């Protein structure tokens, strides 16, 4: 079986990212970089393959983060359920905002998404359950799948890396399937 150059590059990058915390990189910083890299991949998927420029898709990231953090801290749910709450709330926000914005194109689409995101920003800034300008503090990490204790930055790093790889593969698969049909 012959592996493509692209696959080998991705494999080398994965190996590099997997050993980063072992060679002195700060795991929390690299986790944030991975989260924002997925955010950029989603933005590329939206503008690169659909041609829709959204100034408001950060609202989905923020809304999902608040929902997951709130569920973990105040409802006391497990980590997996908290992640699912965040996923469902982000998808729900996307559905509502998309239903309002998709009827427009060009600058009108961009401005509607920006306006909706700003409305959501000010809602979360003033809502008492979000912590206002301070945000949610002391969100518990819990255990992932009941096995991996996420209180350690290193174990949390590898869980985030696994989620990042699976999400990146989903985005990659979506973009390659789309371009193969064109």
N, C-alpha and C. Protein backbone atom coordinates (compact mmCIF):
# COMPACT_ATOMS: atom_id res chain seq x y z
N UNK A 1 0.84 -1.16 0.00
CA UNK A 1 0.00 0.00 0.00
C UNK A 1 0.89 1.23 0.00
N UNK A 2 0.70 2.07 -1.00
CA UNK A 2 1.51 3.27 -1.14
C UNK A 2 0.78 4.45 -0.51
N UNK A 3 1.50 5.15 0.39
CA UNK A 3 0.90 6.30 1.07
C UNK A 3 1.24 7.57 0.32
N UNK A 4 0.28 8.46 0.23
CA UNK A 4 0.49 9.72 -0.48
C UNK A 4 1.38 10.64 0.34
N UNK A 5 1.97 11.62 -0.35
CA UNK A 5 2.80 12.60 0.34
C UNK A 5 1.99 13.42 1.33
N UNK A 6 0.78 13.75 0.93
CA UNK A 6 -0.09 14.53 1.81
C UNK A 6 -0.37 13.78 3.11
N UNK A 7 -0.64 12.49 3.02
CA UNK A 7 -0.89 11.67 4.21
C UNK A 7 0.35 11.62 5.10
N UNK A 8 1.51 11.51 4.47
CA UNK A 8 2.75 11.45 5.24
C UNK A 8 3.02 12.77 5.97
N UNK A 9 2.70 13.89 5.33
CA UNK A 9 2.87 15.20 5.97
C UNK A 9 1.93 15.31 7.17
N UNK A 10 0.67 14.91 7.00
CA UNK A 10 -0.28 14.96 8.11
C UNK A 10 0.16 14.04 9.25
N UNK A 11 0.69 12.89 8.92
CA UNK A 11 1.16 11.95 9.93
C UNK A 11 2.36 12.53 10.70
N UNK A 12 3.27 13.18 9.98
CA UNK A 12 4.42 13.81 10.63
C UNK A 12 3.98 14.96 11.53
N UNK A 13 3.01 15.75 11.07
CA UNK A 13 2.48 16.84 11.90
C UNK A 13 1.79 16.30 13.15
N UNK A 14 1.06 15.21 13.00
CA UNK A 14 0.41 14.59 14.15
C UNK A 14 1.44 14.10 15.16
N UNK A 15 2.50 13.48 14.67
CA UNK A 15 3.56 13.01 15.58
C UNK A 15 4.22 14.19 16.30
N UNK A 16 4.44 15.28 15.57
CA UNK A 16 5.03 16.47 16.18
C UNK A 16 4.13 17.05 17.27
N UNK A 17 2.85 17.17 16.98
CA UNK A 17 1.91 17.72 17.96
C UNK A 17 1.77 16.77 19.15
N UNK A 18 1.86 15.47 18.91
CA UNK A 18 1.73 14.50 20.00
C UNK A 18 2.89 14.58 20.99
N UNK A 19 4.09 14.96 20.52
CA UNK A 19 5.23 15.02 21.44
C UNK A 19 5.51 16.43 21.97
N UNK A 20 4.77 17.42 21.50
CA UNK A 20 5.01 18.80 21.95
C UNK A 20 5.04 18.97 23.47
N UNK A 21 4.05 18.46 24.21
CA UNK A 21 4.12 18.68 25.66
C UNK A 21 5.27 17.91 26.33
N UNK A 22 5.76 16.89 25.67
CA UNK A 22 6.86 16.11 26.24
C UNK A 22 8.21 16.78 26.05
N UNK A 23 8.28 17.74 25.13
CA UNK A 23 9.54 18.45 24.88
C UNK A 23 9.51 19.88 25.41
N UNK A 24 8.51 20.19 26.25
CA UNK A 24 8.52 21.47 26.92
C UNK A 24 7.47 22.47 26.50
N UNK A 25 6.64 22.15 25.53
CA UNK A 25 5.58 23.08 25.13
C UNK A 25 4.50 23.10 26.20
N UNK A 26 3.93 24.26 26.41
CA UNK A 26 2.88 24.43 27.41
C UNK A 26 1.59 23.81 26.87
N UNK A 27 1.10 22.73 27.50
CA UNK A 27 -0.06 22.01 26.93
C UNK A 27 -1.32 22.86 26.79
N UNK A 28 -1.60 23.75 27.75
CA UNK A 28 -2.82 24.55 27.69
C UNK A 28 -2.77 25.49 26.48
N UNK A 29 -1.59 26.05 26.21
CA UNK A 29 -1.45 26.92 25.04
C UNK A 29 -1.67 26.14 23.75
N UNK A 30 -1.08 24.96 23.64
CA UNK A 30 -1.22 24.16 22.41
C UNK A 30 -2.67 23.70 22.24
N UNK A 31 -3.37 23.42 23.36
CA UNK A 31 -4.79 23.06 23.25
C UNK A 31 -5.60 24.23 22.68
N UNK A 32 -5.30 25.44 23.13
CA UNK A 32 -5.99 26.61 22.59
C UNK A 32 -5.68 26.78 21.11
N UNK A 33 -4.44 26.53 20.72
CA UNK A 33 -4.07 26.62 19.31
C UNK A 33 -4.86 25.59 18.49
N UNK A 34 -5.02 24.38 19.02
CA UNK A 34 -5.79 23.36 18.30
C UNK A 34 -7.25 23.78 18.16
N UNK A 35 -7.82 24.35 19.22
CA UNK A 35 -9.22 24.81 19.15
C UNK A 35 -9.38 25.90 18.10
N UNK A 36 -8.45 26.86 18.07
CA UNK A 36 -8.56 27.93 17.09
C UNK A 36 -8.22 27.43 15.68
N UNK A 37 -7.40 26.39 15.58
CA UNK A 37 -7.13 25.80 14.26
C UNK A 37 -8.40 25.13 13.71
N UNK A 38 -9.15 24.46 14.56
CA UNK A 38 -10.43 23.89 14.11
C UNK A 38 -11.40 24.99 13.73
N UNK A 39 -11.39 26.06 14.49
CA UNK A 39 -12.22 27.22 14.18
C UNK A 39 -11.87 27.76 12.80
N UNK A 40 -10.57 27.86 12.50
CA UNK A 40 -10.13 28.34 11.18
C UNK A 40 -10.51 27.35 10.08
N UNK A 41 -10.42 26.06 10.36
CA UNK A 41 -10.82 25.06 9.36
C UNK A 41 -12.31 25.17 9.04
N UNK A 42 -13.12 25.41 10.05
CA UNK A 42 -14.56 25.58 9.82
C UNK A 42 -14.83 26.84 9.01
N UNK A 43 -14.07 27.90 9.31
CA UNK A 43 -14.23 29.14 8.55
C UNK A 43 -13.83 28.91 7.10
N UNK A 44 -12.74 28.17 6.88
CA UNK A 44 -12.31 27.84 5.52
C UNK A 44 -13.35 27.00 4.80
N UNK A 45 -13.96 26.08 5.51
CA UNK A 45 -15.00 25.25 4.91
C UNK A 45 -16.17 26.11 4.45
N UNK A 46 -16.53 27.09 5.28
CA UNK A 46 -17.66 27.95 4.94
C UNK A 46 -17.35 28.88 3.77
N UNK A 47 -16.26 29.60 3.85
CA UNK A 47 -15.98 30.58 2.80
C UNK A 47 -15.33 29.94 1.58
N UNK A 48 -14.51 28.93 1.79
CA UNK A 48 -13.79 28.32 0.68
C UNK A 48 -14.64 27.44 -0.21
N UNK A 49 -15.64 26.80 0.36
CA UNK A 49 -16.43 25.85 -0.43
C UNK A 49 -17.85 26.31 -0.70
N UNK A 50 -18.32 27.29 0.09
CA UNK A 50 -19.66 27.79 -0.18
C UNK A 50 -19.64 29.24 -0.65
N UNK A 51 -18.54 29.93 -0.40
CA UNK A 51 -18.43 31.33 -0.80
C UNK A 51 -19.17 32.28 0.11
N UNK A 52 -19.59 31.81 1.28
CA UNK A 52 -20.32 32.66 2.22
C UNK A 52 -19.36 33.20 3.27
N UNK A 53 -19.24 34.52 3.35
CA UNK A 53 -18.38 35.16 4.34
C UNK A 53 -19.21 35.48 5.56
N UNK A 54 -18.95 34.77 6.66
CA UNK A 54 -19.68 34.99 7.89
C UNK A 54 -18.79 35.72 8.89
N UNK A 55 -19.29 36.84 9.38
CA UNK A 55 -18.57 37.54 10.44
C UNK A 55 -19.05 37.09 11.81
N UNK A 56 -19.97 36.17 11.85
CA UNK A 56 -20.58 35.81 13.11
C UNK A 56 -20.45 34.36 13.52
N UNK A 57 -19.59 33.59 12.87
CA UNK A 57 -19.57 32.19 13.26
C UNK A 57 -18.83 31.94 14.55
N UNK A 58 -18.22 32.95 15.14
CA UNK A 58 -17.64 32.81 16.47
C UNK A 58 -18.73 32.65 17.52
N UNK A 59 -19.94 33.06 17.20
CA UNK A 59 -21.06 32.92 18.13
C UNK A 59 -21.33 31.45 18.44
N UNK A 60 -21.12 30.58 17.48
CA UNK A 60 -21.36 29.16 17.71
C UNK A 60 -20.32 28.60 18.67
N UNK A 61 -19.07 29.01 18.49
CA UNK A 61 -18.00 28.57 19.40
C UNK A 61 -18.27 29.07 20.81
N UNK A 62 -18.58 30.35 20.95
CA UNK A 62 -18.85 30.91 22.27
C UNK A 62 -20.10 30.35 22.91
N UNK A 63 -21.16 30.21 22.14
CA UNK A 63 -22.40 29.67 22.68
C UNK A 63 -22.25 28.23 23.13
N UNK A 64 -21.55 27.44 22.34
CA UNK A 64 -21.31 26.04 22.71
C UNK A 64 -20.42 25.96 23.95
N UNK A 65 -19.43 26.83 24.04
CA UNK A 65 -18.54 26.82 25.20
C UNK A 65 -19.29 27.19 26.47
N UNK A 66 -20.13 28.23 26.39
CA UNK A 66 -20.92 28.60 27.57
C UNK A 66 -21.88 27.49 27.97
N UNK A 67 -22.53 26.88 27.01
CA UNK A 67 -23.48 25.81 27.32
C UNK A 67 -22.78 24.62 27.96
N UNK A 68 -21.64 24.22 27.40
CA UNK A 68 -20.90 23.09 27.96
C UNK A 68 -20.38 23.42 29.36
N UNK A 69 -19.80 24.60 29.52
CA UNK A 69 -19.29 25.00 30.82
C UNK A 69 -20.38 25.10 31.87
N UNK A 70 -21.53 25.66 31.49
CA UNK A 70 -22.65 25.78 32.42
C UNK A 70 -23.18 24.40 32.81
N UNK A 71 -23.30 23.51 31.85
CA UNK A 71 -23.78 22.16 32.15
C UNK A 71 -22.82 21.43 33.08
N UNK A 72 -21.53 21.59 32.87
CA UNK A 72 -20.55 20.93 33.72
C UNK A 72 -20.53 21.50 35.13
N UNK A 73 -20.59 22.81 35.23
CA UNK A 73 -20.45 23.46 36.54
C UNK A 73 -21.72 23.43 37.37
N UNK A 74 -22.85 23.79 36.77
CA UNK A 74 -24.07 23.95 37.56
C UNK A 74 -24.98 22.73 37.53
N UNK A 75 -25.00 22.01 36.45
CA UNK A 75 -25.85 20.82 36.39
C UNK A 75 -25.11 19.58 36.88
N UNK A 76 -23.79 19.63 36.91
CA UNK A 76 -23.00 18.50 37.40
C UNK A 76 -22.99 17.29 36.49
N UNK A 77 -23.15 17.51 35.19
CA UNK A 77 -23.16 16.39 34.25
C UNK A 77 -21.74 15.88 34.01
N UNK A 78 -21.65 14.73 33.40
CA UNK A 78 -20.33 14.17 33.08
C UNK A 78 -19.70 14.97 31.93
N UNK A 79 -18.42 14.76 31.71
CA UNK A 79 -17.70 15.48 30.66
C UNK A 79 -18.28 15.19 29.28
N UNK A 80 -18.62 13.94 29.03
CA UNK A 80 -19.17 13.59 27.72
C UNK A 80 -20.52 14.27 27.48
N UNK A 81 -21.36 14.29 28.50
CA UNK A 81 -22.67 14.95 28.36
C UNK A 81 -22.48 16.45 28.19
N UNK A 82 -21.51 17.03 28.90
CA UNK A 82 -21.21 18.45 28.75
C UNK A 82 -20.79 18.78 27.33
N UNK A 83 -19.95 17.92 26.75
CA UNK A 83 -19.54 18.12 25.36
C UNK A 83 -20.72 18.01 24.41
N UNK A 84 -21.61 17.06 24.67
CA UNK A 84 -22.80 16.91 23.83
C UNK A 84 -23.74 18.10 23.97
N UNK A 85 -23.87 18.64 25.19
CA UNK A 85 -24.69 19.84 25.40
C UNK A 85 -24.12 20.99 24.58
N UNK A 86 -22.80 21.15 24.61
CA UNK A 86 -22.16 22.19 23.82
C UNK A 86 -22.37 21.98 22.33
N UNK A 87 -22.24 20.74 21.88
CA UNK A 87 -22.44 20.43 20.47
C UNK A 87 -23.87 20.73 20.02
N UNK A 88 -24.84 20.31 20.81
CA UNK A 88 -26.24 20.54 20.46
C UNK A 88 -26.57 22.03 20.49
N UNK A 89 -26.05 22.74 21.48
CA UNK A 89 -26.36 24.18 21.54
C UNK A 89 -25.70 24.93 20.40
N UNK A 90 -24.47 24.57 20.03
CA UNK A 90 -23.82 25.20 18.88
C UNK A 90 -24.57 24.91 17.59
N UNK A 91 -25.02 23.67 17.45
CA UNK A 91 -25.79 23.32 16.26
C UNK A 91 -27.14 24.03 16.24
N UNK A 92 -27.76 24.16 17.41
CA UNK A 92 -29.03 24.88 17.49
C UNK A 92 -28.87 26.35 17.14
N UNK A 93 -27.81 26.97 17.66
CA UNK A 93 -27.53 28.36 17.29
C UNK A 93 -27.28 28.48 15.80
N UNK A 94 -26.55 27.53 15.25
CA UNK A 94 -26.29 27.54 13.82
C UNK A 94 -27.56 27.40 13.01
N UNK A 95 -28.47 26.56 13.48
CA UNK A 95 -29.74 26.38 12.77
C UNK A 95 -30.56 27.66 12.79
N UNK A 96 -30.68 28.28 13.96
CA UNK A 96 -31.49 29.49 14.09
C UNK A 96 -30.87 30.64 13.30
N UNK A 97 -29.57 30.87 13.49
CA UNK A 97 -28.91 31.96 12.78
C UNK A 97 -28.85 31.69 11.29
N UNK A 98 -28.64 30.44 10.93
CA UNK A 98 -28.62 30.08 9.51
C UNK A 98 -29.96 30.27 8.84
N UNK A 99 -31.03 29.93 9.55
CA UNK A 99 -32.38 30.11 8.98
C UNK A 99 -32.67 31.58 8.72
N UNK A 100 -32.11 32.44 9.57
CA UNK A 100 -32.32 33.88 9.37
C UNK A 100 -31.41 34.47 8.30
N UNK A 101 -30.20 33.95 8.19
CA UNK A 101 -29.20 34.57 7.32
C UNK A 101 -29.09 33.96 5.93
N UNK A 102 -29.48 32.72 5.76
CA UNK A 102 -29.20 32.02 4.50
C UNK A 102 -29.99 32.57 3.32
N UNK A 103 -31.02 33.31 3.58
CA UNK A 103 -31.82 33.86 2.49
C UNK A 103 -31.12 35.03 1.82
N UNK A 104 -30.04 35.49 2.38
CA UNK A 104 -29.29 36.62 1.83
C UNK A 104 -27.95 36.12 1.30
N UNK A 105 -27.30 36.96 0.51
CA UNK A 105 -25.97 36.62 0.00
C UNK A 105 -25.11 37.88 0.01
N UNK A 106 -23.84 37.69 -0.22
CA UNK A 106 -22.92 38.81 -0.30
C UNK A 106 -22.80 39.56 1.01
N UNK A 107 -22.74 40.89 0.91
CA UNK A 107 -22.55 41.73 2.07
C UNK A 107 -23.73 41.64 3.03
N UNK A 108 -24.92 41.37 2.53
CA UNK A 108 -26.10 41.26 3.39
C UNK A 108 -25.99 40.04 4.31
N UNK A 109 -25.52 38.94 3.78
CA UNK A 109 -25.30 37.74 4.59
C UNK A 109 -24.28 38.03 5.68
N UNK A 110 -23.18 38.68 5.31
CA UNK A 110 -22.12 38.99 6.27
C UNK A 110 -22.64 39.90 7.38
N UNK A 111 -23.39 40.91 7.02
CA UNK A 111 -23.88 41.87 8.02
C UNK A 111 -24.92 41.25 8.94
N UNK A 112 -25.78 40.37 8.40
CA UNK A 112 -26.77 39.70 9.24
C UNK A 112 -26.07 38.79 10.24
N UNK A 113 -25.07 38.04 9.80
CA UNK A 113 -24.35 37.17 10.72
C UNK A 113 -23.61 37.98 11.78
N UNK A 114 -23.06 39.11 11.40
CA UNK A 114 -22.38 39.98 12.37
C UNK A 114 -23.37 40.53 13.39
N UNK A 115 -24.53 40.99 12.93
CA UNK A 115 -25.54 41.54 13.84
C UNK A 115 -26.05 40.48 14.81
N UNK A 116 -26.31 39.27 14.32
CA UNK A 116 -26.78 38.20 15.19
C UNK A 116 -25.72 37.81 16.21
N UNK A 117 -24.48 37.76 15.78
CA UNK A 117 -23.39 37.43 16.71
C UNK A 117 -23.23 38.50 17.78
N UNK A 118 -23.37 39.77 17.40
CA UNK A 118 -23.26 40.85 18.38
C UNK A 118 -24.42 40.81 19.37
N UNK A 119 -25.61 40.46 18.90
CA UNK A 119 -26.75 40.31 19.81
C UNK A 119 -26.48 39.20 20.82
N UNK A 120 -25.94 38.09 20.34
CA UNK A 120 -25.62 36.98 21.22
C UNK A 120 -24.50 37.36 22.19
N UNK A 121 -23.50 38.10 21.72
CA UNK A 121 -22.41 38.55 22.58
C UNK A 121 -22.94 39.39 23.74
N UNK A 122 -23.78 40.36 23.44
CA UNK A 122 -24.30 41.22 24.51
C UNK A 122 -25.26 40.47 25.43
N UNK A 123 -25.97 39.49 24.89
CA UNK A 123 -26.81 38.66 25.76
C UNK A 123 -25.96 37.90 26.76
N UNK A 124 -24.91 37.22 26.27
CA UNK A 124 -24.05 36.45 27.17
C UNK A 124 -23.24 37.35 28.10
N UNK A 125 -22.93 38.54 27.68
CA UNK A 125 -22.19 39.47 28.53
C UNK A 125 -23.04 39.93 29.72
N UNK A 126 -24.34 40.07 29.52
CA UNK A 126 -25.20 40.58 30.57
C UNK A 126 -25.99 39.50 31.32
N UNK A 127 -26.01 38.29 30.80
CA UNK A 127 -26.77 37.23 31.45
C UNK A 127 -26.07 36.83 32.77
N UNK A 128 -26.84 36.64 33.83
CA UNK A 128 -26.22 36.33 35.12
C UNK A 128 -25.57 34.95 35.18
N UNK A 129 -26.05 34.00 34.39
CA UNK A 129 -25.51 32.65 34.46
C UNK A 129 -24.17 32.48 33.73
N UNK A 130 -23.71 33.51 33.01
CA UNK A 130 -22.44 33.39 32.28
C UNK A 130 -21.26 34.00 33.02
N UNK A 131 -21.52 34.72 34.10
CA UNK A 131 -20.43 35.34 34.83
C UNK A 131 -20.04 36.70 34.30
N UNK A 132 -20.79 37.21 33.34
CA UNK A 132 -20.52 38.55 32.80
C UNK A 132 -19.15 38.65 32.16
N UNK A 133 -18.44 39.73 32.47
CA UNK A 133 -17.12 39.95 31.86
C UNK A 133 -16.07 38.98 32.38
N UNK A 134 -16.30 38.40 33.55
CA UNK A 134 -15.34 37.45 34.11
C UNK A 134 -15.49 36.06 33.51
N UNK A 135 -16.61 35.77 32.91
CA UNK A 135 -16.84 34.45 32.32
C UNK A 135 -17.11 33.40 33.38
N UNK A 136 -17.21 32.17 32.96
CA UNK A 136 -17.41 31.06 33.89
C UNK A 136 -16.07 30.73 34.54
N UNK A 137 -16.06 30.64 35.84
CA UNK A 137 -14.84 30.33 36.58
C UNK A 137 -14.95 28.94 37.19
N UNK A 138 -13.86 28.26 37.30
CA UNK A 138 -13.76 26.95 37.99
C UNK A 138 -14.70 25.90 37.41
N UNK A 139 -14.68 25.76 36.09
CA UNK A 139 -15.47 24.71 35.45
C UNK A 139 -14.74 23.39 35.69
N UNK A 140 -15.42 22.39 36.28
CA UNK A 140 -14.74 21.12 36.57
C UNK A 140 -14.41 20.35 35.30
N UNK A 141 -13.29 19.67 35.33
CA UNK A 141 -12.87 18.88 34.15
C UNK A 141 -13.44 17.47 34.17
N UNK A 142 -13.53 16.86 35.31
CA UNK A 142 -14.10 15.53 35.43
C UNK A 142 -13.22 14.44 34.84
N UNK A 143 -13.88 13.36 34.43
CA UNK A 143 -13.20 12.22 33.82
C UNK A 143 -13.81 11.98 32.45
N UNK A 144 -12.97 11.62 31.48
CA UNK A 144 -13.44 11.34 30.14
C UNK A 144 -13.67 9.84 29.99
N UNK A 145 -14.88 9.47 29.62
CA UNK A 145 -15.31 8.08 29.49
C UNK A 145 -15.15 7.31 30.80
N UNK A 146 -15.11 8.04 31.92
CA UNK A 146 -14.97 7.42 33.23
C UNK A 146 -13.60 6.84 33.50
N UNK A 147 -12.67 7.00 32.57
CA UNK A 147 -11.34 6.39 32.70
C UNK A 147 -10.22 7.41 32.84
N UNK A 148 -10.24 8.43 32.03
CA UNK A 148 -9.13 9.38 31.95
C UNK A 148 -9.45 10.59 32.83
N UNK A 149 -8.64 10.78 33.87
CA UNK A 149 -8.82 11.92 34.76
C UNK A 149 -8.27 13.17 34.07
N UNK A 150 -9.15 14.13 33.82
CA UNK A 150 -8.78 15.32 33.08
C UNK A 150 -8.22 16.43 33.95
N UNK A 151 -8.00 16.17 35.23
CA UNK A 151 -7.43 17.20 36.09
C UNK A 151 -5.97 17.47 35.74
N UNK A 152 -5.32 16.52 35.11
CA UNK A 152 -3.95 16.71 34.64
C UNK A 152 -3.98 17.38 33.26
N UNK A 153 -3.14 18.40 33.09
CA UNK A 153 -3.08 19.09 31.80
C UNK A 153 -2.65 18.15 30.69
N UNK A 154 -1.77 17.22 30.99
CA UNK A 154 -1.26 16.31 29.97
C UNK A 154 -2.35 15.35 29.47
N UNK A 155 -3.13 14.79 30.39
CA UNK A 155 -4.20 13.89 29.96
C UNK A 155 -5.29 14.66 29.19
N UNK A 156 -5.60 15.87 29.65
CA UNK A 156 -6.56 16.70 28.92
C UNK A 156 -6.02 17.02 27.52
N UNK A 157 -4.72 17.26 27.42
CA UNK A 157 -4.10 17.56 26.14
C UNK A 157 -4.34 16.44 25.13
N UNK A 158 -4.13 15.20 25.55
CA UNK A 158 -4.28 14.09 24.61
C UNK A 158 -5.74 13.82 24.25
N UNK A 159 -6.67 14.10 25.16
CA UNK A 159 -8.09 14.00 24.82
C UNK A 159 -8.45 15.06 23.80
N UNK A 160 -7.98 16.30 24.03
CA UNK A 160 -8.24 17.38 23.07
C UNK A 160 -7.59 17.05 21.73
N UNK A 161 -6.39 16.48 21.74
CA UNK A 161 -5.73 16.09 20.49
C UNK A 161 -6.55 15.05 19.74
N UNK A 162 -7.10 14.08 20.44
CA UNK A 162 -7.94 13.08 19.79
C UNK A 162 -9.19 13.68 19.17
N UNK A 163 -9.84 14.58 19.91
CA UNK A 163 -11.03 15.26 19.37
C UNK A 163 -10.65 16.13 18.19
N UNK A 164 -9.49 16.80 18.28
CA UNK A 164 -9.02 17.63 17.17
C UNK A 164 -8.78 16.81 15.92
N UNK A 165 -8.12 15.67 16.06
CA UNK A 165 -7.82 14.82 14.89
C UNK A 165 -9.12 14.31 14.26
N UNK A 166 -10.06 13.84 15.08
CA UNK A 166 -11.33 13.35 14.53
C UNK A 166 -12.10 14.47 13.83
N UNK A 167 -12.11 15.65 14.43
CA UNK A 167 -12.82 16.78 13.82
C UNK A 167 -12.15 17.23 12.53
N UNK A 168 -10.81 17.26 12.54
CA UNK A 168 -10.09 17.63 11.33
C UNK A 168 -10.33 16.63 10.22
N UNK A 169 -10.36 15.34 10.56
CA UNK A 169 -10.64 14.31 9.55
C UNK A 169 -12.05 14.47 8.97
N UNK A 170 -13.01 14.84 9.82
CA UNK A 170 -14.37 15.07 9.33
C UNK A 170 -14.41 16.26 8.37
N UNK A 171 -13.74 17.35 8.73
CA UNK A 171 -13.69 18.52 7.85
C UNK A 171 -12.94 18.19 6.56
N UNK A 172 -11.85 17.46 6.68
CA UNK A 172 -11.07 17.07 5.49
C UNK A 172 -11.91 16.19 4.57
N UNK A 173 -12.59 15.24 5.16
CA UNK A 173 -13.43 14.33 4.37
C UNK A 173 -14.57 15.10 3.68
N UNK A 174 -15.16 16.04 4.40
CA UNK A 174 -16.23 16.85 3.82
C UNK A 174 -15.72 17.68 2.66
N UNK A 175 -14.56 18.28 2.82
CA UNK A 175 -14.04 19.16 1.75
C UNK A 175 -13.54 18.36 0.55
N UNK A 176 -12.97 17.18 0.78
CA UNK A 176 -12.50 16.39 -0.36
C UNK A 176 -13.66 15.74 -1.11
N UNK A 177 -14.71 15.35 -0.39
CA UNK A 177 -15.89 14.79 -1.06
C UNK A 177 -16.58 15.85 -1.90
N UNK A 178 -16.62 17.08 -1.39
CA UNK A 178 -17.25 18.18 -2.11
C UNK A 178 -16.50 18.50 -3.38
N UNK A 179 -15.16 18.60 -3.27
CA UNK A 179 -14.38 18.98 -4.45
C UNK A 179 -14.28 17.84 -5.45
N UNK A 180 -14.48 16.60 -5.00
CA UNK A 180 -14.42 15.47 -5.94
C UNK A 180 -15.67 15.44 -6.81
N UNK A 181 -16.79 15.95 -6.31
CA UNK A 181 -18.03 15.95 -7.08
C UNK A 181 -18.09 17.08 -8.11
N UNK A 182 -17.34 18.13 -7.87
CA UNK A 182 -17.40 19.31 -8.76
C UNK A 182 -16.73 19.07 -10.09
